[in-house]
Amino acid sequence: MAERMGIAQAAYSNYVNRNNDIPFNRLTQIANVLGVSVIDIITYPEK
């Protein structure tokens, strides 16, 4: 995922492990890589 987003593995790991907040632009990148909307990520698993 980090490679597809063009960021360091350590940076992505910090997002996954909740060590850093995810900026909206990164959240948008994650959604694009996964082929889902940002709303789908934010509301998961409720949706």
Protein backbone atom coordinates (compact mmCIF):
# COMPACT_ATOMS: atom_id res chain seq x y z
CA MET A 1 0.00 0.00 0.00
CA ALA A 2 2.76 2.44 0.93
CA GLU A 3 4.50 1.84 -2.39
CA ARG A 4 1.28 2.43 -4.35
CA MET A 5 0.71 5.65 -2.41
CA GLY A 6 4.30 6.80 -2.94
CA ILE A 7 5.12 7.07 0.77
CA ALA A 8 7.52 5.31 3.10
CA GLN A 9 6.43 2.05 4.69
CA ALA A 10 7.11 3.57 8.11
CA ALA A 11 4.75 6.47 7.38
CA TYR A 12 1.97 4.11 6.31
CA SER A 13 2.60 1.92 9.34
CA ASN A 14 2.14 4.94 11.60
CA TYR A 15 -1.30 5.56 10.06
CA VAL A 16 -2.31 1.91 10.44
CA ASN A 17 -1.10 1.74 14.03
CA ARG A 18 -2.78 5.08 14.84
CA ASN A 19 0.49 6.73 15.78
CA ASN A 20 -0.34 9.60 13.42
CA ASP A 21 -3.60 11.09 12.24
CA ILE A 22 -4.30 10.51 8.56
CA PRO A 23 -4.43 13.76 6.60
CA PHE A 24 -7.38 14.01 4.21
CA ASN A 25 -5.14 13.88 1.14
CA ARG A 26 -3.65 10.57 2.35
CA LEU A 27 -7.12 9.23 3.14
CA THR A 28 -8.11 10.10 -0.42
CA GLN A 29 -5.06 8.22 -1.74
CA ILE A 30 -5.94 5.16 0.33
CA ALA A 31 -9.52 5.24 -0.97
CA ASN A 32 -8.29 5.52 -4.56
CA VAL A 33 -5.89 2.60 -4.18
CA LEU A 34 -8.63 0.45 -2.64
CA GLY A 35 -11.24 1.55 -5.18
CA VAL A 36 -13.68 2.82 -2.55
CA SER A 37 -14.94 6.22 -1.45
CA VAL A 38 -13.58 8.15 1.51
CA ILE A 39 -17.06 7.90 3.07
CA ASP A 40 -16.83 4.09 2.85
CA ILE A 41 -13.57 4.19 4.81
CA ILE A 42 -14.86 6.64 7.41
CA THR A 43 -18.10 4.76 8.04
CA TYR A 44 -16.63 1.25 8.01
CA PRO A 45 -17.91 -1.16 9.47
CA GLU A 46 -21.25 0.54 9.99
CA LYS A 47 -21.93 0.72 6.27
